Amino acid sequence: METNSLLGVWTGTAHNSNGWDMKITISILQPLEIGSMLGIFDIPLISCSGTFRIMNIHGEILDLQAEKQQGNCEKADSDSLELLADGTLLYTSQGKGWETRGILERKD
């Protein structure tokens, strides 16, 4: 994965398995390195924000851990971003009894 190609602000709509959609913005602030801070995320609908730390990189998938959460964030068991062939990112977050997935595009 070309790590610098992900730098920037990514936004899109994610669908939660509980039946609602939400806008999410993820700002990737520095090159990817396991253990380092990826950047910040914001989900205005549920007033949730925080940072993501990179836990693992395998192929085009980044395994993340949410930290420094503020607001009404649900506790996720796993968070990930996958770089897709068309240059978008697939955001996936899973918790007990729910899953949120959405496609994020880079904002110019």
PDB file of N, CA and C in Angstrom:
ATOM      1  N   MET A   1       0.849  -1.178   0.000  1.00  0.00           N
ATOM      2  CA  MET A   1       0.000   0.000   0.000  1.00  0.00           C
ATOM      3  C   MET A   1       0.893   1.238   0.000  1.00  0.00           C
ATOM      4  N   GLU A   2       0.605   2.174  -0.892  1.00  0.00           N
ATOM      5  CA  GLU A   2       1.335   3.436  -0.951  1.00  0.00           C
ATOM      6  C   GLU A   2       0.781   4.336   0.155  1.00  0.00           C
ATOM      7  N   THR A   3       1.536   4.445   1.235  1.00  0.00           N
ATOM      8  CA  THR A   3       1.003   5.083   2.432  1.00  0.00           C
ATOM      9  C   THR A   3       0.703   6.562   2.248  1.00  0.00           C
ATOM     10  N   ASN A   4       1.517   7.277   1.498  1.00  0.00           N
ATOM     11  CA  ASN A   4       1.273   8.711   1.336  1.00  0.00           C
ATOM     12  C   ASN A   4       0.026   8.993   0.506  1.00  0.00           C
ATOM     13  N   SER A   5      -0.435   8.013  -0.274  1.00  0.00           N
ATOM     14  CA  SER A   5      -1.613   8.230  -1.120  1.00  0.00           C
ATOM     15  C   SER A   5      -2.884   8.379  -0.299  1.00  0.00           C
ATOM     16  N   LEU A   6      -2.848   7.995   0.967  1.00  0.00           N
ATOM     17  CA  LEU A   6      -4.039   8.082   1.815  1.00  0.00           C
ATOM     18  C   LEU A   6      -4.126   9.389   2.592  1.00  0.00           C
ATOM     19  N   LEU A   7      -3.062  10.179   2.601  1.00  0.00           N
ATOM     20  CA  LEU A   7      -3.082  11.435   3.352  1.00  0.00           C
ATOM     21  C   LEU A   7      -4.201  12.335   2.841  1.00  0.00           C
ATOM     22  N   GLY A   8      -4.921  12.944   3.769  1.00  0.00           N
ATOM     23  CA  GLY A   8      -5.992  13.853   3.401  1.00  0.00           C
ATOM     24  C   GLY A   8      -7.260  13.594   4.190  1.00  0.00           C
ATOM     25  N   VAL A   9      -8.335  14.228   3.745  1.00  0.00           N
ATOM     26  CA  VAL A   9      -9.633  14.131   4.410  1.00  0.00           C
ATOM     27  C   VAL A   9     -10.546  13.251   3.560  1.00  0.00           C
ATOM     28  N   TRP A  10     -11.121  12.240   4.203  1.00  0.00           N
ATOM     29  CA  TRP A  10     -12.010  11.279   3.548  1.00  0.00           C
ATOM     30  C   TRP A  10     -13.389  11.388   4.188  1.00  0.00           C
ATOM     31  N   THR A  11     -14.430  11.372   3.360  1.00  0.00           N
ATOM     32  CA  THR A  11     -15.779  11.495   3.891  1.00  0.00           C
ATOM     33  C   THR A  11     -16.750  10.639   3.080  1.00  0.00           C
ATOM     34  N   GLY A  12     -17.819  10.238   3.744  1.00  0.00           N
ATOM     35  CA  GLY A  12     -18.843   9.444   3.077  1.00  0.00           C
ATOM     36  C   GLY A  12     -19.969   9.123   4.045  1.00  0.00           C
ATOM     37  N   THR A  13     -20.905   8.306   3.572  1.00  0.00           N
ATOM     38  CA  THR A  13     -22.033   7.884   4.388  1.00  0.00           C
ATOM     39  C   THR A  13     -21.889   6.410   4.704  1.00  0.00           C
ATOM     40  N   ALA A  14     -22.041   6.083   5.965  1.00  0.00           N
ATOM     41  CA  ALA A  14     -21.956   4.693   6.418  1.00  0.00           C
ATOM     42  C   ALA A  14     -23.334   4.245   6.886  1.00  0.00           C
ATOM     43  N   HIS A  15     -23.642   2.978   6.634  1.00  0.00           N
ATOM     44  CA  HIS A  15     -24.923   2.399   7.048  1.00  0.00           C
ATOM     45  C   HIS A  15     -24.698   1.495   8.251  1.00  0.00           C
ATOM     46  N   ASN A  16     -25.487   1.714   9.292  1.00  0.00           N
ATOM     47  CA  ASN A  16     -25.413   0.893  10.499  1.00  0.00           C
ATOM     48  C   ASN A  16     -26.461  -0.211  10.407  1.00  0.00           C
ATOM     49  N   SER A  17     -26.097  -1.431  10.820  1.00  0.00           N
ATOM     50  CA  SER A  17     -27.016  -2.570  10.748  1.00  0.00           C
ATOM     51  C   SER A  17     -28.261  -2.386  11.613  1.00  0.00           C
ATOM     52  N   ASN A  18     -28.254  -1.405  12.516  1.00  0.00           N
ATOM     53  CA  ASN A  18     -29.446  -1.107  13.312  1.00  0.00           C
ATOM     54  C   ASN A  18     -30.449  -0.263  12.534  1.00  0.00           C
ATOM     55  N   GLY A  19     -30.108   0.092  11.285  1.00  0.00           N
ATOM     56  CA  GLY A  19     -31.089   0.717  10.404  1.00  0.00           C
ATOM     57  C   GLY A  19     -30.934   2.192  10.144  1.00  0.00           C
ATOM     58  N   TRP A  20     -29.803   2.796  10.439  1.00  0.00           N
ATOM     59  CA  TRP A  20     -29.661   4.214  10.170  1.00  0.00           C
ATOM     60  C   TRP A  20     -28.344   4.503   9.462  1.00  0.00           C
ATOM     61  N   ASP A  21     -28.324   5.636   8.741  1.00  0.00           N
ATOM     62  CA  ASP A  21     -27.145   6.077   8.006  1.00  0.00           C
ATOM     63  C   ASP A  21     -26.530   7.272   8.716  1.00  0.00           C
ATOM     64  N   MET A  22     -25.223   7.421   8.558  1.00  0.00           N
ATOM     65  CA  MET A  22     -24.525   8.535   9.200  1.00  0.00           C
ATOM     66  C   MET A  22     -23.364   8.975   8.335  1.00  0.00           C
ATOM     67  N   LYS A  23     -23.087  10.261   8.358  1.00  0.00           N
ATOM     68  CA  LYS A  23     -21.923  10.799   7.679  1.00  0.00           C
ATOM     69  C   LYS A  23     -20.715  10.585   8.586  1.00  0.00           C
ATOM     70  N   ILE A  24     -19.583  10.205   7.975  1.00  0.00           N
ATOM     71  CA  ILE A  24     -18.344  10.052   8.729  1.00  0.00           C
ATOM     72  C   ILE A  24     -17.219  10.743   7.968  1.00  0.00           C
ATOM     73  N   THR A  25     -16.360  11.406   8.708  1.00  0.00           N
ATOM     74  CA  THR A  25     -15.179  12.040   8.136  1.00  0.00           C
ATOM     75  C   THR A  25     -13.958  11.514   8.881  1.00  0.00           C
ATOM     76  N   ILE A  26     -12.965  11.070   8.117  1.00  0.00           N
ATOM     77  CA  ILE A  26     -11.706  10.612   8.695  1.00  0.00           C
ATOM     78  C   ILE A  26     -10.584  11.422   8.068  1.00  0.00           C
ATOM     79  N   SER A  27      -9.790  12.062   8.905  1.00  0.00           N
ATOM     80  CA  SER A  27      -8.643  12.844   8.431  1.00  0.00           C
ATOM     81  C   SER A  27      -7.377  12.039   8.705  1.00  0.00           C
ATOM     82  N   ILE A  28      -6.700  11.636   7.619  1.00  0.00           N
ATOM     83  CA  ILE A  28      -5.451  10.891   7.741  1.00  0.00           C
ATOM     84  C   ILE A  28      -4.323  11.913   7.691  1.00  0.00           C
ATOM     85  N   LEU A  29      -3.629  12.042   8.823  1.00  0.00           N
ATOM     86  CA  LEU A  29      -2.725  13.160   9.021  1.00  0.00           C
ATOM     87  C   LEU A  29      -1.248  12.840   8.796  1.00  0.00           C
ATOM     88  N   GLN A  30      -0.886  11.553   8.820  1.00  0.00           N
ATOM     89  CA  GLN A  30       0.534  11.224   8.673  1.00  0.00           C
ATOM     90  C   GLN A  30       0.675   9.877   7.995  1.00  0.00           C
ATOM     91  N   PRO A  31       1.863   9.590   7.442  1.00  0.00           N
ATOM     92  CA  PRO A  31       2.081   8.296   6.785  1.00  0.00           C
ATOM     93  C   PRO A  31       1.790   7.138   7.739  1.00  0.00           C
ATOM     94  N   LEU A  32       1.411   6.017   7.154  1.00  0.00           N
ATOM     95  CA  LEU A  32       0.985   4.858   7.930  1.00  0.00           C
ATOM     96  C   LEU A  32       2.167   4.133   8.563  1.00  0.00           C
ATOM     97  N   GLU A  33       2.027   3.858   9.846  1.00  0.00           N
ATOM     98  CA  GLU A  33       3.028   3.085  10.561  1.00  0.00           C
ATOM     99  C   GLU A  33       2.332   2.382  11.716  1.00  0.00           C
ATOM    100  N   ILE A  34       2.552   1.079  11.840  1.00  0.00           N
ATOM    101  CA  ILE A  34       1.908   0.307  12.900  1.00  0.00           C
ATOM    102  C   ILE A  34       2.260   0.919  14.261  1.00  0.00           C
ATOM    103  N   GLY A  35       1.245   1.115  15.078  1.00  0.00           N
ATOM    104  CA  GLY A  35       1.417   1.692  16.402  1.00  0.00           C
ATOM    105  C   GLY A  35       1.281   3.192  16.449  1.00  0.00           C
ATOM    106  N   SER A  36       1.311   3.841  15.284  1.00  0.00           N
ATOM    107  CA  SER A  36       1.221   5.302  15.276  1.00  0.00           C
ATOM    108  C   SER A  36      -0.230   5.753  15.131  1.00  0.00           C
ATOM    109  N   MET A  37      -0.463   7.015  15.399  1.00  0.00           N
ATOM    110  CA  MET A  37      -1.779   7.612  15.258  1.00  0.00           C
ATOM    111  C   MET A  37      -2.049   7.818  13.775  1.00  0.00           C
ATOM    112  N   LEU A  38      -3.183   7.333  13.292  1.00  0.00           N
ATOM    113  CA  LEU A  38      -3.568   7.513  11.890  1.00  0.00           C
ATOM    114  C   LEU A  38      -4.103   8.914  11.663  1.00  0.00           C
ATOM    115  N   GLY A  39      -5.014   9.328  12.534  1.00  0.00           N
ATOM    116  CA  GLY A  39      -5.655  10.627  12.373  1.00  0.00           C
ATOM    117  C   GLY A  39      -6.915  10.690  13.211  1.00  0.00           C
ATOM    118  N   ILE A  40      -7.803  11.584  12.821  1.00  0.00           N
ATOM    119  CA  ILE A  40      -9.003  11.829  13.618  1.00  0.00           C
ATOM    120  C   ILE A  40     -10.252  11.424  12.837  1.00  0.00           C
ATOM    121  N   PHE A  41     -11.316  11.095  13.583  1.00  0.00           N
ATOM    122  CA  PHE A  41     -12.592  10.789  12.942  1.00  0.00           C
ATOM    123  C   PHE A  41     -13.689  11.603  13.606  1.00  0.00           C
ATOM    124  N   ASP A  42     -14.765  11.834  12.837  1.00  0.00           N
ATOM    125  CA  ASP A  42     -15.901  12.607  13.329  1.00  0.00           C
ATOM    126  C   ASP A  42     -17.180  12.034  12.724  1.00  0.00           C
ATOM    127  N   ILE A  43     -18.153  11.757  13.602  1.00  0.00           N
ATOM    128  CA  ILE A  43     -19.466  11.274  13.187  1.00  0.00           C
ATOM    129  C   ILE A  43     -20.492  12.215  13.817  1.00  0.00           C
ATOM    130  N   PRO A  44     -20.862  13.297  13.107  1.00  0.00           N
ATOM    131  CA  PRO A  44     -21.732  14.328  13.699  1.00  0.00           C
ATOM    132  C   PRO A  44     -23.102  13.831  14.150  1.00  0.00           C
ATOM    133  N   LEU A  45     -23.719  12.881  13.431  1.00  0.00           N
ATOM    134  CA  LEU A  45     -25.073  12.423  13.751  1.00  0.00           C
ATOM    135  C   LEU A  45     -25.186  11.919  15.181  1.00  0.00           C
ATOM    136  N   ILE A  46     -24.171  11.176  15.631  1.00  0.00           N
ATOM    137  CA  ILE A  46     -24.219  10.642  16.995  1.00  0.00           C
ATOM    138  C   ILE A  46     -23.251  11.381  17.918  1.00  0.00           C
ATOM    139  N   SER A  47     -22.756  12.517  17.431  1.00  0.00           N
ATOM    140  CA  SER A  47     -21.845  13.339  18.222  1.00  0.00           C
ATOM    141  C   SER A  47     -20.693  12.498  18.780  1.00  0.00           C
ATOM    142  N   CYS A  48     -19.989  11.822  17.870  1.00  0.00           N
ATOM    143  CA  CYS A  48     -18.875  10.956  18.249  1.00  0.00           C
ATOM    144  C   CYS A  48     -17.632  11.376  17.477  1.00  0.00           C
ATOM    145  N   SER A  49     -16.528  11.514  18.179  1.00  0.00           N
ATOM    146  CA  SER A  49     -15.257  11.828  17.533  1.00  0.00           C
ATOM    147  C   SER A  49     -14.127  11.205  18.336  1.00  0.00           C
ATOM    148  N   GLY A  50     -12.950  11.174  17.741  1.00  0.00           N
ATOM    149  CA  GLY A  50     -11.788  10.613  18.419  1.00  0.00           C
ATOM    150  C   GLY A  50     -10.649  10.429  17.455  1.00  0.00           C
ATOM    151  N   THR A  51      -9.717   9.581  17.834  1.00  0.00           N
ATOM    152  CA  THR A  51      -8.558   9.295  16.986  1.00  0.00           C
ATOM    153  C   THR A  51      -8.497   7.801  16.698  1.00  0.00           C
ATOM    154  N   PHE A  52      -7.825   7.465  15.608  1.00  0.00           N
ATOM    155  CA  PHE A  52      -7.576   6.067  15.266  1.00  0.00           C
ATOM    156  C   PHE A  52      -6.085   5.794  15.349  1.00  0.00           C
ATOM    157  N   ARG A  53      -5.723   4.676  15.983  1.00  0.00           N
ATOM    158  CA  ARG A  53      -4.350   4.190  16.010  1.00  0.00           C
ATOM    159  C   ARG A  53      -4.269   2.968  15.097  1.00  0.00           C
ATOM    160  N   ILE A  54      -3.177   2.849  14.332  1.00  0.00           N
ATOM    161  CA  ILE A  54      -2.980   1.718  13.428  1.00  0.00           C
ATOM    162  C   ILE A  54      -2.454   0.534  14.225  1.00  0.00           C
ATOM    163  N   MET A  55      -3.206  -0.552  14.216  1.00  0.00           N
ATOM    164  CA  MET A  55      -2.817  -1.750  14.951  1.00  0.00           C
ATOM    165  C   MET A  55      -2.133  -2.778  14.053  1.00  0.00           C
ATOM    166  N   ASN A  56      -2.535  -2.814  12.771  1.00  0.00           N
ATOM    167  CA  ASN A  56      -1.963  -3.782  11.849  1.00  0.00           C
ATOM    168  C   ASN A  56      -2.221  -3.308  10.422  1.00  0.00           C
ATOM    169  N   ILE A  57      -1.339  -3.687   9.513  1.00  0.00           N
ATOM    170  CA  ILE A  57      -1.520  -3.418   8.090  1.00  0.00           C
ATOM    171  C   ILE A  57      -1.312  -4.747   7.379  1.00  0.00           C
ATOM    172  N   HIS A  58      -2.326  -5.198   6.645  1.00  0.00           N
ATOM    173  CA  HIS A  58      -2.158  -6.412   5.852  1.00  0.00           C
ATOM    174  C   HIS A  58      -2.802  -6.181   4.493  1.00  0.00           C
ATOM    175  N   GLY A  59      -1.952  -6.191   3.475  1.00  0.00           N
ATOM    176  CA  GLY A  59      -2.420  -5.895   2.123  1.00  0.00           C
ATOM    177  C   GLY A  59      -2.929  -4.467   2.058  1.00  0.00           C
ATOM    178  N   GLU A  60      -4.168  -4.325   1.644  1.00  0.00           N
ATOM    179  CA  GLU A  60      -4.788  -3.002   1.505  1.00  0.00           C
ATOM    180  C   GLU A  60      -5.686  -2.664   2.693  1.00  0.00           C
ATOM    181  N   ILE A  61      -5.575  -3.425   3.788  1.00  0.00           N
ATOM    182  CA  ILE A  61      -6.453  -3.241   4.947  1.00  0.00           C
ATOM    183  C   ILE A  61      -5.666  -2.722   6.149  1.00  0.00           C
ATOM    184  N   LEU A  62      -6.207  -1.685   6.781  1.00  0.00           N
ATOM    185  CA  LEU A  62      -5.656  -1.142   8.019  1.00  0.00           C
ATOM    186  C   LEU A  62      -6.574  -1.542   9.164  1.00  0.00           C
ATOM    187  N   ASP A  63      -6.050  -2.253  10.147  1.00  0.00           N
ATOM    188  CA  ASP A  63      -6.805  -2.537  11.366  1.00  0.00           C
ATOM    189  C   ASP A  63      -6.551  -1.394  12.335  1.00  0.00           C
ATOM    190  N   LEU A  64      -7.623  -0.825  12.865  1.00  0.00           N
ATOM    191  CA  LEU A  64      -7.535   0.386  13.679  1.00  0.00           C
ATOM    192  C   LEU A  64      -8.093   0.161  15.076  1.00  0.00           C
ATOM    193  N   GLN A  65      -7.679   1.038  15.982  1.00  0.00           N
ATOM    194  CA  GLN A  65      -8.245   1.071  17.329  1.00  0.00           C
ATOM    195  C   GLN A  65      -8.646   2.508  17.623  1.00  0.00           C
ATOM    196  N   ALA A  66      -9.920   2.697  17.979  1.00  0.00           N
ATOM    197  CA  ALA A  66     -10.403   4.039  18.313  1.00  0.00           C
ATOM    198  C   ALA A  66      -9.920   4.419  19.709  1.00  0.00           C
ATOM    199  N   GLU A  67      -9.448   5.655  19.844  1.00  0.00           N
ATOM    200  CA  GLU A  67      -8.955   6.167  21.121  1.00  0.00           C
ATOM    201  C   GLU A  67      -9.450   7.592  21.321  1.00  0.00           C
ATOM    202  N   LYS A  68      -9.315   8.076  22.547  1.00  0.00           N
ATOM    203  CA  LYS A  68      -9.660   9.464  22.899  1.00  0.00           C
ATOM    204  C   LYS A  68     -11.048   9.840  22.391  1.00  0.00           C
ATOM    205  N   GLN A  69     -11.994   8.911  22.541  1.00  0.00           N
ATOM    206  CA  GLN A  69     -13.344   9.141  22.041  1.00  0.00           C
ATOM    207  C   GLN A  69     -14.080  10.170  22.893  1.00  0.00           C
ATOM    208  N   GLN A  70     -14.868  10.995  22.211  1.00  0.00           N
ATOM    209  CA  GLN A  70     -15.700  11.993  22.873  1.00  0.00           C
ATOM    210  C   GLN A  70     -17.105  11.886  22.311  1.00  0.00           C
ATOM    211  N   GLY A  71     -18.092  12.111  23.144  1.00  0.00           N
ATOM    212  CA  GLY A  71     -19.478  12.076  22.688  1.00  0.00           C
ATOM    213  C   GLY A  71     -20.125  10.722  22.909  1.00  0.00           C
ATOM    214  N   ASN A  72     -21.062  10.386  22.018  1.00  0.00           N
ATOM    215  CA  ASN A  72     -21.876   9.182  22.169  1.00  0.00           C
ATOM    216  C   ASN A  72     -21.364   8.023  21.313  1.00  0.00           C
ATOM    217  N   CYS A  73     -20.099   7.712  21.417  1.00  0.00           N
ATOM    218  CA  CYS A  73     -19.498   6.647  20.614  1.00  0.00           C
ATOM    219  C   CYS A  73     -19.881   5.269  21.159  1.00  0.00           C
ATOM    220  N   GLU A  74     -20.224   4.359  20.246  1.00  0.00           N
ATOM    221  CA  GLU A  74     -20.458   2.967  20.607  1.00  0.00           C
ATOM    222  C   GLU A  74     -19.096   2.283  20.689  1.00  0.00           C
ATOM    223  N   LYS A  75     -18.948   1.348  21.615  1.00  0.00           N
ATOM    224  CA  LYS A  75     -17.702   0.601  21.750  1.00  0.00           C
ATOM    225  C   LYS A  75     -17.606  -0.410  20.618  1.00  0.00           C
ATOM    226  N   ALA A  76     -16.603  -0.253  19.759  1.00  0.00           N
ATOM    227  CA  ALA A  76     -16.397  -1.181  18.647  1.00  0.00           C
ATOM    228  C   ALA A  76     -15.389  -2.256  19.041  1.00  0.00           C
ATOM    229  N   ASP A  77     -15.640  -3.472  18.585  1.00  0.00           N
ATOM    230  CA  ASP A  77     -14.677  -4.550  18.775  1.00  0.00           C
ATOM    231  C   ASP A  77     -13.584  -4.482  17.715  1.00  0.00           C
ATOM    232  N   SER A  78     -13.938  -3.953  16.535  1.00  0.00           N
ATOM    233  CA  SER A  78     -12.945  -3.793  15.475  1.00  0.00           C
ATOM    234  C   SER A  78     -13.337  -2.639  14.562  1.00  0.00           C
ATOM    235  N   ASP A  79     -12.321  -1.935  14.083  1.00  0.00           N
ATOM    236  CA  ASP A  79     -12.472  -0.870  13.095  1.00  0.00           C
ATOM    237  C   ASP A  79     -11.427  -1.114  12.019  1.00  0.00           C
ATOM    238  N   SER A  80     -11.790  -0.868  10.762  1.00  0.00           N
ATOM    239  CA  SER A  80     -10.812  -1.043   9.696  1.00  0.00           C
ATOM    240  C   SER A  80     -11.114  -0.123   8.525  1.00  0.00           C
ATOM    241  N   LEU A  81     -10.075   0.126   7.742  1.00  0.00           N
ATOM    242  CA  LEU A  81     -10.184   0.828   6.468  1.00  0.00           C
ATOM    243  C   LEU A  81      -9.536  -0.056   5.419  1.00  0.00           C
ATOM    244  N   GLU A  82     -10.196  -0.184   4.263  1.00  0.00           N
ATOM    245  CA  GLU A  82      -9.632  -0.959   3.164  1.00  0.00           C
ATOM    246  C   GLU A  82      -9.583  -0.084   1.928  1.00  0.00           C
ATOM    247  N   LEU A  83      -8.396   0.028   1.322  1.00  0.00           N
ATOM    248  CA  LEU A  83      -8.240   0.775   0.083  1.00  0.00           C
ATOM    249  C   LEU A  83      -8.774  -0.086  -1.056  1.00  0.00           C
ATOM    250  N   LEU A  84      -9.804   0.410  -1.749  1.00  0.00           N
ATOM    251  CA  LEU A  84     -10.417  -0.334  -2.844  1.00  0.00           C
ATOM    252  C   LEU A  84      -9.769   0.041  -4.175  1.00  0.00           C
ATOM    253  N   ALA A  85      -9.979  -0.793  -5.180  1.00  0.00           N
ATOM    254  CA  ALA A  85      -9.341  -0.610  -6.486  1.00  0.00           C
ATOM    255  C   ALA A  85      -9.682   0.728  -7.134  1.00  0.00           C
ATOM    256  N   ASP A  86     -10.863   1.281  -6.834  1.00  0.00           N
ATOM    257  CA  ASP A  86     -11.264   2.555  -7.442  1.00  0.00           C
ATOM    258  C   ASP A  86     -10.733   3.772  -6.679  1.00  0.00           C
ATOM    259  N   GLY A  87      -9.899   3.551  -5.657  1.00  0.00           N
ATOM    260  CA  GLY A  87      -9.300   4.662  -4.916  1.00  0.00           C
ATOM    261  C   GLY A  87     -10.119   5.146  -3.740  1.00  0.00           C
ATOM    262  N   THR A  88     -11.252   4.508  -3.460  1.00  0.00           N
ATOM    263  CA  THR A  88     -12.053   4.863  -2.287  1.00  0.00           C
ATOM    264  C   THR A  88     -11.628   3.990  -1.109  1.00  0.00           C
ATOM    265  N   LEU A  89     -12.127   4.339   0.080  1.00  0.00           N
ATOM    266  CA  LEU A  89     -11.848   3.563   1.282  1.00  0.00           C
ATOM    267  C   LEU A  89     -13.143   2.940   1.793  1.00  0.00           C
ATOM    268  N   LEU A  90     -13.089   1.660   2.137  1.00  0.00           N
ATOM    269  CA  LEU A  90     -14.219   0.988   2.790  1.00  0.00           C
ATOM    270  C   LEU A  90     -13.979   1.065   4.291  1.00  0.00           C
ATOM    271  N   TYR A  91     -14.878   1.743   4.993  1.00  0.00           N
ATOM    272  CA  TYR A  91     -14.816   1.852   6.451  1.00  0.00           C
ATOM    273  C   TYR A  91     -15.727   0.782   7.043  1.00  0.00           C
ATOM    274  N   THR A  92     -15.208  -0.002   7.984  1.00  0.00           N
ATOM    275  CA  THR A  92     -16.006  -1.017   8.663  1.00  0.00           C
ATOM    276  C   THR A  92     -15.763  -0.914  10.166  1.00  0.00           C
ATOM    277  N   SER A  93     -16.845  -0.894  10.925  1.00  0.00           N
ATOM    278  CA  SER A  93     -16.770  -0.889  12.384  1.00  0.00           C
ATOM    279  C   SER A  93     -17.752  -1.933  12.895  1.00  0.00           C
ATOM    280  N   GLN A  94     -17.285  -2.824  13.781  1.00  0.00           N
ATOM    281  CA  GLN A  94     -18.155  -3.870  14.302  1.00  0.00           C
ATOM    282  C   GLN A  94     -18.112  -3.877  15.822  1.00  0.00           C
ATOM    283  N   GLY A  95     -19.302  -4.047  16.415  1.00  0.00           N
ATOM    284  CA  GLY A  95     -19.428  -4.161  17.864  1.00  0.00           C
ATOM    285  C   GLY A  95     -20.367  -5.300  18.194  1.00  0.00           C
ATOM    286  N   LYS A  96     -20.732  -5.402  19.439  1.00  0.00           N
ATOM    287  CA  LYS A  96     -21.639  -6.473  19.862  1.00  0.00           C
ATOM    288  C   LYS A  96     -23.035  -6.228  19.286  1.00  0.00           C
ATOM    289  N   GLY A  97     -23.419  -7.040  18.306  1.00  0.00           N
ATOM    290  CA  GLY A  97     -24.753  -6.956  17.728  1.00  0.00           C
ATOM    291  C   GLY A  97     -24.938  -5.897  16.670  1.00  0.00           C
ATOM    292  N   TRP A  98     -23.871  -5.259  16.186  1.00  0.00           N
ATOM    293  CA  TRP A  98     -24.027  -4.244  15.143  1.00  0.00           C
ATOM    294  C   TRP A  98     -22.792  -4.177  14.249  1.00  0.00           C
ATOM    295  N   GLU A  99     -22.989  -3.617  13.055  1.00  0.00           N
ATOM    296  CA  GLU A  99     -21.901  -3.372  12.113  1.00  0.00           C
ATOM    297  C   GLU A  99     -22.222  -2.104  11.340  1.00  0.00           C
ATOM    298  N   THR A 100     -21.219  -1.304  11.095  1.00  0.00           N
ATOM    299  CA  THR A 100     -21.348  -0.088  10.291  1.00  0.00           C
ATOM    300  C   THR A 100     -20.356  -0.190   9.143  1.00  0.00           C
ATOM    301  N   ARG A 101     -20.840   0.073   7.909  1.00  0.00           N
ATOM    302  CA  ARG A 101     -19.978   0.020   6.726  1.00  0.00           C
ATOM    303  C   ARG A 101     -20.303   1.198   5.827  1.00  0.00           C
ATOM    304  N   GLY A 102     -19.278   1.750   5.201  1.00  0.00           N
ATOM    305  CA  GLY A 102     -19.502   2.832   4.265  1.00  0.00           C
ATOM    306  C   GLY A 102     -18.292   3.076   3.371  1.00  0.00           C
ATOM    307  N   ILE A 103     -18.538   3.698   2.233  1.00  0.00           N
ATOM    308  CA  ILE A 103     -17.481   4.038   1.293  1.00  0.00           C
ATOM    309  C   ILE A 103     -17.130   5.507   1.480  1.00  0.00           C
ATOM    310  N   LEU A 104     -15.836   5.774   1.653  1.00  0.00           N
ATOM    311  CA  LEU A 104     -15.342   7.127   1.860  1.00  0.00           C
ATOM    312  C   LEU A 104     -14.548   7.574   0.631  1.00  0.00           C
ATOM    313  N   GLU A 105     -14.752   8.830   0.252  1.00  0.00           N
ATOM    314  CA  GLU A 105     -14.015   9.418  -0.868  1.00  0.00           C
ATOM    315  C   GLU A 105     -13.179  10.572  -0.346  1.00  0.00           C
ATOM    316  N   ARG A 106     -12.040  10.790  -0.996  1.00  0.00           N
ATOM    317  CA  ARG A 106     -11.167  11.893  -0.595  1.00  0.00           C
ATOM    318  C   ARG A 106     -11.808  13.227  -1.001  1.00  0.00           C
ATOM    319  N   LYS A 107     -11.828  14.165  -0.060  1.00  0.00           N
ATOM    320  CA  LYS A 107     -12.322  15.517  -0.343  1.00  0.00           C
ATOM    321  C   LYS A 107     -11.185  16.315  -0.952  1.00  0.00           C
ATOM    322  N   ASP A 108     -11.498  17.070  -1.977  1.00  0.00           N
ATOM    323  CA  ASP A 108     -10.474  17.935  -2.595  1.00  0.00           C
ATOM    324  C   ASP A 108     -10.411  19.274  -1.915  1.00  0.00           C
TER     325      ASP A 108
END
